[in-house]
Amino acid sequence: MHAQLLQPAFVDPVLDAQRSFRAALKALAEPGLIQHLPAAPHLDGLAPATYALCLALLDVDTPLWLAPGFDTPLIRANLAFHCGCPLAARREEAAFALLGEPDLLDLSGFDHGNDRYPDQSCTLLVQLAALDAGRGLLWRGPGIQAQRSVALPLPPAFWLERQRREAFPRGLDVLFSAGDQLLGLPRSTRITQEHA
C-alpha cells in the first residue's frame, strides 16, 4: 500500500463515528427525512457523507462490494486502512455495497437475507449528486406519520427493480448520500406516485 494514497479520516474518530452511526440509524428510522453530517471528511471520489458512512459502518466483519465507479486505488487503500473491511469480489458475499446512480438498475446478487434472519441482508450505500432534485414520490410505512413526499433523482426503473425484489421481511435497506447529507430507505417503506 502506498502511503501517499492515505488521506485523513475523522478528526475525532470515536465521536464522529458515533455521530455518523446515529445519523444513519435516524435516516432509516425516519425514512425520507434528510440528515446532515457536518463533520464528514473528504476523500476524492466519495461525497463526505458517503465516506462518513463507510467510516462509521464498516469494519473487519463487514465485506464491502464496490461498484466499478468506486473501485479506485485511493478508495480501496483508505477503506482498507481506516475501516479494515474486506472487499468482496462477488455481490453475494457483501454485507454492504457502494453504488452510484448508474448501478441501481440491476440489484441482482445482493443478499436479501432470509425469513429467519432478514437482518443479514446487504445494505446499499448509494451516492447521488443530490437528494431532492427528482420527481416527488409518496413514501409510506414505519417511521412516517401518514405519508412523506420525497424527490430523489432516480430513474423510474430503480423503483421497479426494488419492487420486483422486495419480499418483506427480506429486502435491501438503502442509505442515499450527497454532499454532507444522507437519507434512508428501509425495505419496509412503500412507494407510490404522487397524483397531480
N, C-alpha and C. Protein backbone atom coordinates (compact mmCIF):
# COMPACT_ATOMS: atom_id res chain seq x y z
N MET A 1 0.85 -1.19 0.00
CA MET A 1 0.00 0.00 0.00
C MET A 1 0.89 1.24 0.00
N HIS A 2 0.62 2.19 -0.88
CA HIS A 2 1.41 3.40 -0.96
C HIS A 2 0.91 4.40 0.06
N ALA A 3 1.86 4.90 0.90
CA ALA A 3 1.48 5.83 1.95
C ALA A 3 0.85 7.10 1.39
N GLN A 4 1.28 7.52 0.16
CA GLN A 4 0.74 8.77 -0.38
C GLN A 4 -0.74 8.67 -0.75
N LEU A 5 -1.27 7.45 -0.83
CA LEU A 5 -2.70 7.28 -1.12
C LEU A 5 -3.55 7.57 0.11
N LEU A 6 -2.97 7.46 1.29
CA LEU A 6 -3.76 7.57 2.52
C LEU A 6 -4.14 9.01 2.81
N GLN A 7 -5.43 9.22 3.08
CA GLN A 7 -5.96 10.55 3.39
C GLN A 7 -6.49 10.53 4.82
N PRO A 8 -6.64 11.71 5.43
CA PRO A 8 -7.20 11.76 6.79
C PRO A 8 -8.63 11.23 6.81
N ALA A 9 -9.04 10.75 7.96
CA ALA A 9 -10.43 10.30 8.15
C ALA A 9 -11.09 11.28 9.12
N PHE A 10 -11.81 10.78 10.12
CA PHE A 10 -12.46 11.67 11.08
C PHE A 10 -11.42 12.43 11.91
N VAL A 11 -11.74 13.68 12.26
CA VAL A 11 -10.87 14.46 13.16
C VAL A 11 -10.92 13.83 14.55
N ASP A 12 -12.12 13.55 15.03
CA ASP A 12 -12.31 12.87 16.32
C ASP A 12 -12.93 11.51 16.01
N PRO A 13 -12.10 10.47 15.83
CA PRO A 13 -12.60 9.19 15.32
C PRO A 13 -13.78 8.61 16.09
N VAL A 14 -13.73 8.62 17.41
CA VAL A 14 -14.79 7.98 18.18
C VAL A 14 -16.08 8.79 18.10
N LEU A 15 -15.99 10.09 18.41
CA LEU A 15 -17.18 10.95 18.44
C LEU A 15 -17.80 11.09 17.05
N ASP A 16 -16.98 11.31 16.03
CA ASP A 16 -17.50 11.49 14.68
C ASP A 16 -18.12 10.20 14.14
N ALA A 17 -17.52 9.06 14.47
CA ALA A 17 -18.10 7.78 14.04
C ALA A 17 -19.44 7.55 14.73
N GLN A 18 -19.52 7.89 16.02
CA GLN A 18 -20.79 7.74 16.75
C GLN A 18 -21.87 8.63 16.15
N ARG A 19 -21.49 9.90 15.86
CA ARG A 19 -22.44 10.84 15.25
C ARG A 19 -22.95 10.31 13.91
N SER A 20 -22.04 9.81 13.09
CA SER A 20 -22.41 9.32 11.76
C SER A 20 -23.27 8.07 11.87
N PHE A 21 -22.94 7.19 12.81
CA PHE A 21 -23.73 5.97 13.03
C PHE A 21 -25.15 6.33 13.46
N ARG A 22 -25.25 7.30 14.39
CA ARG A 22 -26.58 7.73 14.85
C ARG A 22 -27.38 8.36 13.71
N ALA A 23 -26.70 9.13 12.86
CA ALA A 23 -27.39 9.75 11.71
C ALA A 23 -27.91 8.68 10.76
N ALA A 24 -27.13 7.62 10.56
CA ALA A 24 -27.56 6.52 9.69
C ALA A 24 -28.79 5.82 10.28
N LEU A 25 -28.76 5.56 11.59
CA LEU A 25 -29.91 4.93 12.25
C LEU A 25 -31.15 5.82 12.16
N LYS A 26 -30.94 7.13 12.37
CA LYS A 26 -32.06 8.08 12.30
C LYS A 26 -32.62 8.15 10.88
N ALA A 27 -31.73 8.08 9.89
CA ALA A 27 -32.17 8.13 8.49
C ALA A 27 -33.07 6.93 8.17
N LEU A 28 -32.73 5.75 8.70
CA LEU A 28 -33.55 4.56 8.45
C LEU A 28 -34.81 4.53 9.33
N ALA A 29 -34.73 5.18 10.50
CA ALA A 29 -35.90 5.21 11.40
C ALA A 29 -36.93 6.23 10.94
N GLU A 30 -36.47 7.27 10.21
CA GLU A 30 -37.36 8.31 9.69
C GLU A 30 -37.15 8.41 8.18
N PRO A 31 -37.66 7.44 7.44
CA PRO A 31 -37.38 7.36 6.00
C PRO A 31 -37.77 8.64 5.25
N GLY A 32 -36.88 9.07 4.36
CA GLY A 32 -37.18 10.22 3.51
C GLY A 32 -36.83 11.56 4.11
N LEU A 33 -36.44 11.60 5.39
CA LEU A 33 -36.02 12.87 6.01
C LEU A 33 -34.51 13.00 5.87
N ILE A 34 -34.06 14.14 5.32
CA ILE A 34 -32.62 14.35 5.11
C ILE A 34 -31.92 14.60 6.45
N GLN A 35 -30.83 13.87 6.67
CA GLN A 35 -29.97 14.05 7.84
C GLN A 35 -28.67 14.73 7.39
N HIS A 36 -28.09 15.54 8.28
CA HIS A 36 -26.86 16.26 7.93
C HIS A 36 -25.68 15.71 8.73
N LEU A 37 -24.54 15.62 8.07
CA LEU A 37 -23.30 15.17 8.72
C LEU A 37 -22.26 16.29 8.56
N PRO A 38 -22.28 17.29 9.44
CA PRO A 38 -21.42 18.45 9.25
C PRO A 38 -19.93 18.17 9.36
N ALA A 39 -19.53 17.15 10.13
CA ALA A 39 -18.10 16.91 10.33
C ALA A 39 -17.54 15.85 9.39
N ALA A 40 -18.27 15.56 8.31
CA ALA A 40 -17.84 14.48 7.41
C ALA A 40 -16.53 14.83 6.71
N PRO A 41 -15.62 13.85 6.61
CA PRO A 41 -14.32 14.08 5.97
C PRO A 41 -14.41 14.01 4.45
N HIS A 42 -13.34 14.38 3.78
CA HIS A 42 -13.33 14.39 2.32
C HIS A 42 -12.37 13.33 1.78
N LEU A 43 -12.80 12.63 0.74
CA LEU A 43 -11.93 11.68 0.03
C LEU A 43 -12.34 11.72 -1.43
N ASP A 44 -11.38 11.94 -2.32
CA ASP A 44 -11.70 12.05 -3.74
C ASP A 44 -12.51 10.85 -4.22
N GLY A 45 -13.62 11.14 -4.89
CA GLY A 45 -14.47 10.08 -5.43
C GLY A 45 -15.65 9.75 -4.53
N LEU A 46 -15.56 10.15 -3.25
CA LEU A 46 -16.66 9.89 -2.32
C LEU A 46 -17.18 11.21 -1.77
N ALA A 47 -18.50 11.37 -1.73
CA ALA A 47 -19.09 12.52 -1.05
C ALA A 47 -18.73 12.42 0.43
N PRO A 48 -18.61 13.55 1.13
CA PRO A 48 -18.29 13.48 2.57
C PRO A 48 -19.23 12.56 3.36
N ALA A 49 -20.53 12.61 3.07
CA ALA A 49 -21.46 11.75 3.80
C ALA A 49 -21.24 10.28 3.48
N THR A 50 -20.88 9.98 2.24
CA THR A 50 -20.60 8.58 1.85
C THR A 50 -19.40 8.06 2.62
N TYR A 51 -18.35 8.87 2.66
CA TYR A 51 -17.12 8.47 3.36
C TYR A 51 -17.40 8.30 4.86
N ALA A 52 -18.20 9.24 5.43
CA ALA A 52 -18.54 9.14 6.86
C ALA A 52 -19.30 7.85 7.15
N LEU A 53 -20.24 7.49 6.26
CA LEU A 53 -20.98 6.24 6.45
C LEU A 53 -20.03 5.05 6.42
N CYS A 54 -19.10 5.05 5.48
CA CYS A 54 -18.13 3.95 5.40
C CYS A 54 -17.32 3.85 6.69
N LEU A 55 -16.84 5.00 7.18
CA LEU A 55 -16.02 5.00 8.39
C LEU A 55 -16.82 4.55 9.62
N ALA A 56 -18.12 4.85 9.64
CA ALA A 56 -18.95 4.52 10.80
C ALA A 56 -19.49 3.10 10.76
N LEU A 57 -19.74 2.57 9.56
CA LEU A 57 -20.46 1.30 9.45
C LEU A 57 -19.57 0.10 9.12
N LEU A 58 -18.41 0.34 8.51
CA LEU A 58 -17.60 -0.77 8.01
C LEU A 58 -16.50 -1.15 8.98
N ASP A 59 -16.25 -2.46 9.09
CA ASP A 59 -15.12 -2.94 9.90
C ASP A 59 -14.69 -4.31 9.35
N VAL A 60 -13.87 -5.00 10.11
CA VAL A 60 -13.31 -6.27 9.61
C VAL A 60 -14.36 -7.34 9.35
N ASP A 61 -15.55 -7.18 9.94
CA ASP A 61 -16.60 -8.19 9.79
C ASP A 61 -17.64 -7.84 8.73
N THR A 62 -17.41 -6.76 7.97
CA THR A 62 -18.42 -6.31 7.00
C THR A 62 -17.81 -6.21 5.61
N PRO A 63 -17.87 -7.29 4.84
CA PRO A 63 -17.35 -7.24 3.48
C PRO A 63 -18.10 -6.21 2.63
N LEU A 64 -17.35 -5.44 1.87
CA LEU A 64 -17.91 -4.37 1.04
C LEU A 64 -17.70 -4.69 -0.43
N TRP A 65 -18.78 -4.52 -1.21
CA TRP A 65 -18.65 -4.65 -2.67
C TRP A 65 -18.63 -3.26 -3.27
N LEU A 66 -17.64 -2.99 -4.10
CA LEU A 66 -17.51 -1.68 -4.75
C LEU A 66 -18.02 -1.76 -6.18
N ALA A 67 -18.94 -0.87 -6.56
CA ALA A 67 -19.30 -0.73 -7.96
C ALA A 67 -18.06 -0.23 -8.71
N PRO A 68 -17.93 -0.54 -9.99
CA PRO A 68 -16.72 -0.17 -10.73
C PRO A 68 -16.33 1.30 -10.62
N GLY A 69 -17.31 2.20 -10.54
CA GLY A 69 -17.01 3.63 -10.46
C GLY A 69 -16.31 4.03 -9.16
N PHE A 70 -16.40 3.19 -8.14
CA PHE A 70 -15.76 3.48 -6.84
C PHE A 70 -14.53 2.61 -6.60
N ASP A 71 -14.25 1.72 -7.53
CA ASP A 71 -13.14 0.78 -7.33
C ASP A 71 -11.83 1.41 -7.81
N THR A 72 -11.35 2.37 -7.01
CA THR A 72 -10.09 3.07 -7.34
C THR A 72 -9.04 2.73 -6.30
N PRO A 73 -7.76 2.85 -6.65
CA PRO A 73 -6.70 2.59 -5.67
C PRO A 73 -6.84 3.48 -4.43
N LEU A 74 -7.24 4.74 -4.61
CA LEU A 74 -7.37 5.66 -3.48
C LEU A 74 -8.47 5.20 -2.52
N ILE A 75 -9.64 4.89 -3.07
CA ILE A 75 -10.75 4.45 -2.22
C ILE A 75 -10.42 3.11 -1.57
N ARG A 76 -9.89 2.18 -2.34
CA ARG A 76 -9.50 0.88 -1.78
C ARG A 76 -8.53 1.04 -0.61
N ALA A 77 -7.48 1.84 -0.82
CA ALA A 77 -6.43 1.99 0.20
C ALA A 77 -6.98 2.61 1.48
N ASN A 78 -7.81 3.65 1.34
CA ASN A 78 -8.31 4.34 2.53
C ASN A 78 -9.35 3.52 3.29
N LEU A 79 -10.20 2.79 2.57
CA LEU A 79 -11.17 1.94 3.27
C LEU A 79 -10.46 0.78 3.96
N ALA A 80 -9.44 0.23 3.31
CA ALA A 80 -8.68 -0.86 3.93
C ALA A 80 -7.97 -0.36 5.20
N PHE A 81 -7.38 0.84 5.11
CA PHE A 81 -6.60 1.36 6.24
C PHE A 81 -7.49 1.82 7.38
N HIS A 82 -8.52 2.63 7.07
CA HIS A 82 -9.34 3.25 8.12
C HIS A 82 -10.45 2.33 8.64
N CYS A 83 -10.96 1.45 7.79
CA CYS A 83 -12.10 0.60 8.18
C CYS A 83 -11.68 -0.86 8.40
N GLY A 84 -10.67 -1.30 7.66
CA GLY A 84 -10.25 -2.70 7.75
C GLY A 84 -11.22 -3.67 7.11
N CYS A 85 -12.18 -3.14 6.33
CA CYS A 85 -13.20 -4.02 5.76
C CYS A 85 -12.65 -4.80 4.58
N PRO A 86 -12.95 -6.09 4.51
CA PRO A 86 -12.55 -6.86 3.33
C PRO A 86 -13.40 -6.43 2.13
N LEU A 87 -12.80 -6.44 0.95
CA LEU A 87 -13.55 -6.10 -0.27
C LEU A 87 -14.05 -7.38 -0.91
N ALA A 88 -15.35 -7.45 -1.10
CA ALA A 88 -15.98 -8.65 -1.66
C ALA A 88 -15.81 -8.68 -3.18
N ALA A 89 -15.40 -9.81 -3.69
CA ALA A 89 -15.25 -9.96 -5.13
C ALA A 89 -16.61 -10.17 -5.79
N ARG A 90 -17.56 -10.73 -5.03
CA ARG A 90 -18.88 -11.04 -5.58
C ARG A 90 -19.96 -10.36 -4.74
N ARG A 91 -21.01 -9.93 -5.40
CA ARG A 91 -22.12 -9.26 -4.70
C ARG A 91 -22.70 -10.12 -3.58
N GLU A 92 -22.77 -11.41 -3.82
CA GLU A 92 -23.39 -12.34 -2.86
C GLU A 92 -22.68 -12.33 -1.51
N GLU A 93 -21.39 -11.95 -1.49
CA GLU A 93 -20.59 -12.00 -0.26
C GLU A 93 -20.67 -10.71 0.55
N ALA A 94 -21.30 -9.68 0.00
CA ALA A 94 -21.22 -8.34 0.59
C ALA A 94 -22.25 -8.11 1.70
N ALA A 95 -21.78 -7.50 2.80
CA ALA A 95 -22.69 -7.01 3.84
C ALA A 95 -23.13 -5.58 3.50
N PHE A 96 -22.26 -4.86 2.78
CA PHE A 96 -22.55 -3.51 2.29
C PHE A 96 -22.10 -3.42 0.85
N ALA A 97 -22.73 -2.54 0.09
CA ALA A 97 -22.32 -2.29 -1.29
C ALA A 97 -22.33 -0.79 -1.53
N LEU A 98 -21.29 -0.31 -2.22
CA LEU A 98 -21.16 1.11 -2.52
C LEU A 98 -21.49 1.31 -4.00
N LEU A 99 -22.58 2.05 -4.26
CA LEU A 99 -23.11 2.17 -5.61
C LEU A 99 -23.34 3.64 -5.97
N GLY A 100 -23.41 3.89 -7.28
CA GLY A 100 -23.83 5.19 -7.79
C GLY A 100 -25.14 5.01 -8.54
N GLU A 101 -25.70 6.11 -9.03
CA GLU A 101 -26.98 6.02 -9.72
C GLU A 101 -26.97 5.04 -10.89
N PRO A 102 -25.90 4.99 -11.71
CA PRO A 102 -25.93 4.06 -12.85
C PRO A 102 -26.00 2.58 -12.44
N ASP A 103 -25.66 2.28 -11.18
CA ASP A 103 -25.63 0.88 -10.72
C ASP A 103 -26.97 0.40 -10.19
N LEU A 104 -27.98 1.26 -10.18
CA LEU A 104 -29.23 0.94 -9.48
C LEU A 104 -30.24 0.19 -10.33
N LEU A 105 -29.94 -0.01 -11.59
CA LEU A 105 -30.92 -0.67 -12.46
C LEU A 105 -30.85 -2.19 -12.37
N ASP A 106 -29.81 -2.69 -11.71
CA ASP A 106 -29.68 -4.14 -11.53
C ASP A 106 -29.20 -4.42 -10.11
N LEU A 107 -30.12 -4.86 -9.27
CA LEU A 107 -29.79 -5.16 -7.87
C LEU A 107 -29.67 -6.66 -7.63
N SER A 108 -29.48 -7.42 -8.72
CA SER A 108 -29.38 -8.87 -8.58
C SER A 108 -28.10 -9.25 -7.83
N GLY A 109 -28.17 -10.37 -7.14
CA GLY A 109 -26.98 -10.91 -6.49
C GLY A 109 -26.80 -10.48 -5.05
N PHE A 110 -27.30 -9.31 -4.67
CA PHE A 110 -27.12 -8.86 -3.28
C PHE A 110 -27.99 -9.70 -2.35
N ASP A 111 -27.45 -9.98 -1.16
CA ASP A 111 -28.13 -10.83 -0.18
C ASP A 111 -29.35 -10.10 0.39
N HIS A 112 -30.54 -10.67 0.21
CA HIS A 112 -31.77 -10.09 0.73
C HIS A 112 -32.12 -10.63 2.11
N GLY A 113 -31.18 -11.38 2.72
CA GLY A 113 -31.48 -12.02 3.98
C GLY A 113 -32.41 -13.21 3.75
N ASN A 114 -32.87 -13.82 4.83
CA ASN A 114 -33.85 -14.90 4.69
C ASN A 114 -34.94 -14.70 5.74
N ASP A 115 -35.98 -15.51 5.67
CA ASP A 115 -37.12 -15.29 6.57
C ASP A 115 -36.73 -15.40 8.04
N ARG A 116 -35.75 -16.22 8.32
CA ARG A 116 -35.32 -16.40 9.70
C ARG A 116 -34.39 -15.27 10.16
N TYR A 117 -33.50 -14.83 9.25
CA TYR A 117 -32.54 -13.76 9.57
C TYR A 117 -32.61 -12.66 8.51
N PRO A 118 -33.72 -11.92 8.47
CA PRO A 118 -33.84 -10.87 7.44
C PRO A 118 -32.81 -9.76 7.62
N ASP A 119 -32.31 -9.61 8.88
CA ASP A 119 -31.34 -8.55 9.17
C ASP A 119 -29.96 -8.84 8.58
N GLN A 120 -29.76 -10.03 8.04
CA GLN A 120 -28.45 -10.36 7.47
C GLN A 120 -28.34 -9.96 6.00
N SER A 121 -29.26 -9.13 5.55
CA SER A 121 -29.23 -8.70 4.15
C SER A 121 -28.14 -7.66 3.94
N CYS A 122 -27.85 -7.41 2.69
CA CYS A 122 -26.87 -6.40 2.30
C CYS A 122 -27.51 -5.01 2.42
N THR A 123 -26.75 -4.03 2.89
CA THR A 123 -27.19 -2.64 2.93
C THR A 123 -26.49 -1.89 1.81
N LEU A 124 -27.28 -1.16 1.02
CA LEU A 124 -26.73 -0.42 -0.12
C LEU A 124 -26.41 1.02 0.30
N LEU A 125 -25.18 1.45 0.04
CA LEU A 125 -24.77 2.84 0.24
C LEU A 125 -24.72 3.47 -1.15
N VAL A 126 -25.64 4.37 -1.43
CA VAL A 126 -25.80 4.89 -2.79
C VAL A 126 -25.48 6.38 -2.83
N GLN A 127 -24.46 6.74 -3.59
CA GLN A 127 -24.07 8.14 -3.71
C GLN A 127 -24.75 8.78 -4.92
N LEU A 128 -25.41 9.91 -4.66
CA LEU A 128 -26.10 10.66 -5.71
C LEU A 128 -25.54 12.08 -5.77
N ALA A 129 -25.90 12.81 -6.81
CA ALA A 129 -25.47 14.21 -6.94
C ALA A 129 -26.28 15.11 -6.00
N ALA A 130 -27.53 14.73 -5.72
CA ALA A 130 -28.41 15.50 -4.83
C ALA A 130 -29.46 14.55 -4.27
N LEU A 131 -30.15 14.99 -3.21
CA LEU A 131 -31.19 14.15 -2.60
C LEU A 131 -32.60 14.71 -2.81
N ASP A 132 -32.70 15.83 -3.53
CA ASP A 132 -34.02 16.47 -3.64
C ASP A 132 -34.25 17.08 -5.02
N ALA A 133 -33.70 16.47 -6.05
CA ALA A 133 -33.80 17.06 -7.39
C ALA A 133 -34.58 16.17 -8.37
N GLY A 134 -35.41 15.29 -7.84
CA GLY A 134 -36.14 14.37 -8.72
C GLY A 134 -37.64 14.61 -8.66
N ARG A 135 -38.36 13.68 -9.24
CA ARG A 135 -39.82 13.75 -9.22
C ARG A 135 -40.33 13.25 -7.87
N GLY A 136 -41.30 13.97 -7.31
CA GLY A 136 -41.81 13.61 -5.99
C GLY A 136 -42.56 12.29 -5.99
N LEU A 137 -42.23 11.43 -5.04
CA LEU A 137 -42.96 10.19 -4.84
C LEU A 137 -43.45 10.16 -3.39
N LEU A 138 -44.55 9.46 -3.15
CA LEU A 138 -45.08 9.36 -1.80
C LEU A 138 -44.52 8.13 -1.10
N TRP A 139 -43.97 8.34 0.08
CA TRP A 139 -43.44 7.25 0.89
C TRP A 139 -44.37 7.02 2.06
N ARG A 140 -44.64 5.74 2.34
CA ARG A 140 -45.47 5.36 3.48
C ARG A 140 -44.82 4.19 4.20
N GLY A 141 -45.11 4.07 5.50
CA GLY A 141 -44.60 2.92 6.24
C GLY A 141 -44.10 3.32 7.61
N PRO A 142 -43.48 2.40 8.34
CA PRO A 142 -42.96 2.68 9.68
C PRO A 142 -42.02 3.89 9.67
N GLY A 143 -42.19 4.76 10.67
CA GLY A 143 -41.34 5.94 10.80
C GLY A 143 -41.89 7.15 10.04
N ILE A 144 -43.01 6.98 9.34
CA ILE A 144 -43.63 8.08 8.60
C ILE A 144 -45.06 8.22 9.11
N GLN A 145 -45.41 9.43 9.58
CA GLN A 145 -46.71 9.60 10.23
C GLN A 145 -47.88 9.21 9.31
N ALA A 146 -48.00 9.81 8.17
CA ALA A 146 -49.05 9.42 7.23
C ALA A 146 -48.40 9.09 5.89
N GLN A 147 -47.83 10.12 5.29
CA GLN A 147 -47.06 9.92 4.06
C GLN A 147 -46.05 11.06 3.96
N ARG A 148 -45.02 10.87 3.17
CA ARG A 148 -43.98 11.88 3.01
C ARG A 148 -43.62 11.97 1.53
N SER A 149 -43.56 13.18 1.01
CA SER A 149 -43.16 13.36 -0.38
C SER A 149 -41.63 13.47 -0.44
N VAL A 150 -41.02 12.61 -1.24
CA VAL A 150 -39.56 12.57 -1.36
C VAL A 150 -39.21 12.65 -2.84
N ALA A 151 -38.21 13.47 -3.15
CA ALA A 151 -37.88 13.73 -4.57
C ALA A 151 -36.45 13.32 -4.90
N LEU A 152 -36.12 12.06 -4.66
CA LEU A 152 -34.78 11.56 -5.02
C LEU A 152 -34.64 11.55 -6.55
N PRO A 153 -33.49 12.00 -7.08
CA PRO A 153 -33.29 11.98 -8.53
C PRO A 153 -32.88 10.60 -9.02
N LEU A 154 -33.86 9.71 -9.12
CA LEU A 154 -33.60 8.33 -9.52
C LEU A 154 -34.46 7.96 -10.72
N PRO A 155 -33.94 7.11 -11.60
CA PRO A 155 -34.75 6.69 -12.74
C PRO A 155 -35.92 5.80 -12.29
N PRO A 156 -37.06 5.89 -12.98
CA PRO A 156 -38.21 5.06 -12.62
C PRO A 156 -37.87 3.57 -12.58
N ALA A 157 -36.90 3.15 -13.41
CA ALA A 157 -36.53 1.74 -13.45
C ALA A 157 -35.98 1.25 -12.11
N PHE A 158 -35.38 2.15 -11.30
CA PHE A 158 -34.89 1.74 -9.98
C PHE A 158 -36.05 1.29 -9.10
N TRP A 159 -37.15 2.06 -9.11
CA TRP A 159 -38.29 1.73 -8.25
C TRP A 159 -38.91 0.40 -8.67
N LEU A 160 -38.93 0.15 -9.97
CA LEU A 160 -39.45 -1.13 -10.46
C LEU A 160 -38.54 -2.28 -10.04
N GLU A 161 -37.24 -2.06 -10.13
CA GLU A 161 -36.27 -3.08 -9.73
C GLU A 161 -36.40 -3.38 -8.24
N ARG A 162 -36.55 -2.33 -7.42
CA ARG A 162 -36.70 -2.51 -5.97
C ARG A 162 -37.98 -3.28 -5.67
N GLN A 163 -39.06 -2.88 -6.32
CA GLN A 163 -40.36 -3.54 -6.10
C GLN A 163 -40.31 -5.01 -6.49
N ARG A 164 -39.62 -5.29 -7.57
CA ARG A 164 -39.52 -6.66 -8.07
C ARG A 164 -38.78 -7.58 -7.09
N ARG A 165 -37.89 -7.00 -6.30
CA ARG A 165 -37.04 -7.81 -5.43
C ARG A 165 -37.48 -7.81 -3.97
N GLU A 166 -38.51 -7.05 -3.64
CA GLU A 166 -38.95 -6.98 -2.24
C GLU A 166 -39.79 -8.20 -1.88
N ALA A 167 -39.48 -8.78 -0.75
CA ALA A 167 -40.28 -9.89 -0.20
C ALA A 167 -40.19 -9.79 1.32
N PHE A 168 -40.81 -8.73 1.86
CA PHE A 168 -40.70 -8.43 3.29
C PHE A 168 -41.01 -9.67 4.14
N PRO A 169 -40.24 -9.98 5.20
CA PRO A 169 -39.22 -9.15 5.84
C PRO A 169 -37.85 -9.15 5.14
N ARG A 170 -37.70 -9.94 4.08
CA ARG A 170 -36.43 -9.88 3.36
C ARG A 170 -36.40 -8.64 2.49
N GLY A 171 -35.21 -8.17 2.17
CA GLY A 171 -35.11 -7.00 1.30
C GLY A 171 -33.81 -6.25 1.52
N LEU A 172 -33.65 -5.15 0.81
CA LEU A 172 -32.43 -4.35 0.88
C LEU A 172 -32.76 -2.99 1.51
N ASP A 173 -31.99 -2.61 2.52
CA ASP A 173 -32.09 -1.26 3.07
C ASP A 173 -31.09 -0.39 2.31
N VAL A 174 -31.48 0.87 2.07
CA VAL A 174 -30.64 1.77 1.27
C VAL A 174 -30.38 3.05 2.05
N LEU A 175 -29.12 3.50 2.05
CA LEU A 175 -28.75 4.82 2.56
C LEU A 175 -28.23 5.62 1.38
N PHE A 176 -28.95 6.69 1.02
CA PHE A 176 -28.53 7.57 -0.06
C PHE A 176 -27.72 8.72 0.52
N SER A 177 -26.67 9.13 -0.19
CA SER A 177 -25.86 10.24 0.27
C SER A 177 -25.57 11.21 -0.87
N ALA A 178 -25.41 12.48 -0.51
CA ALA A 178 -25.00 13.52 -1.46
C ALA A 178 -24.41 14.66 -0.63
N GLY A 179 -23.24 15.12 -0.98
CA GLY A 179 -22.60 16.16 -0.17
C GLY A 179 -22.43 15.68 1.25
N ASP A 180 -22.91 16.48 2.23
CA ASP A 180 -22.83 16.06 3.64
C ASP A 180 -24.19 15.61 4.16
N GLN A 181 -25.07 15.18 3.24
CA GLN A 181 -26.42 14.76 3.61
C GLN A 181 -26.66 13.28 3.35
N LEU A 182 -27.56 12.70 4.14
CA LEU A 182 -27.97 11.33 3.85
C LEU A 182 -29.45 11.16 4.11
N LEU A 183 -30.00 10.12 3.50
CA LEU A 183 -31.43 9.85 3.55
C LEU A 183 -31.63 8.34 3.48
N GLY A 184 -32.49 7.81 4.33
CA GLY A 184 -32.67 6.36 4.41
C GLY A 184 -33.93 5.87 3.71
N LEU A 185 -33.80 4.70 3.13
CA LEU A 185 -34.93 4.00 2.51
C LEU A 185 -34.90 2.54 2.99
N PRO A 186 -35.59 2.25 4.11
CA PRO A 186 -35.63 0.86 4.57
C PRO A 186 -36.55 0.01 3.70
N ARG A 187 -36.38 -1.28 3.80
CA ARG A 187 -37.18 -2.22 2.98
C ARG A 187 -38.67 -2.13 3.28
N SER A 188 -39.02 -1.63 4.48
CA SER A 188 -40.43 -1.59 4.89
C SER A 188 -41.20 -0.42 4.29
N THR A 189 -40.50 0.50 3.63
CA THR A 189 -41.16 1.69 3.07
C THR A 189 -41.82 1.36 1.74
N ARG A 190 -43.08 1.77 1.59
CA ARG A 190 -43.81 1.57 0.35
C ARG A 190 -43.83 2.88 -0.43
N ILE A 191 -43.63 2.77 -1.73
CA ILE A 191 -43.51 3.95 -2.60
C ILE A 191 -44.66 3.98 -3.59
N THR A 192 -45.31 5.14 -3.70
CA THR A 192 -46.35 5.31 -4.73
C THR A 192 -46.15 6.67 -5.39
N GLN A 193 -46.76 6.82 -6.56
CA GLN A 193 -46.63 8.09 -7.28
C GLN A 193 -47.55 9.13 -6.66
N GLU A 194 -47.08 10.39 -6.74
CA GLU A 194 -47.94 11.50 -6.32
C GLU A 194 -48.97 11.73 -7.41
N HIS A 195 -50.21 11.98 -7.01
CA HIS A 195 -51.25 12.26 -8.01
C HIS A 195 -51.38 13.76 -8.15
N ALA A 196 -51.33 14.21 -9.38
CA ALA A 196 -51.39 15.66 -9.65
C ALA A 196 -52.79 16.20 -9.32
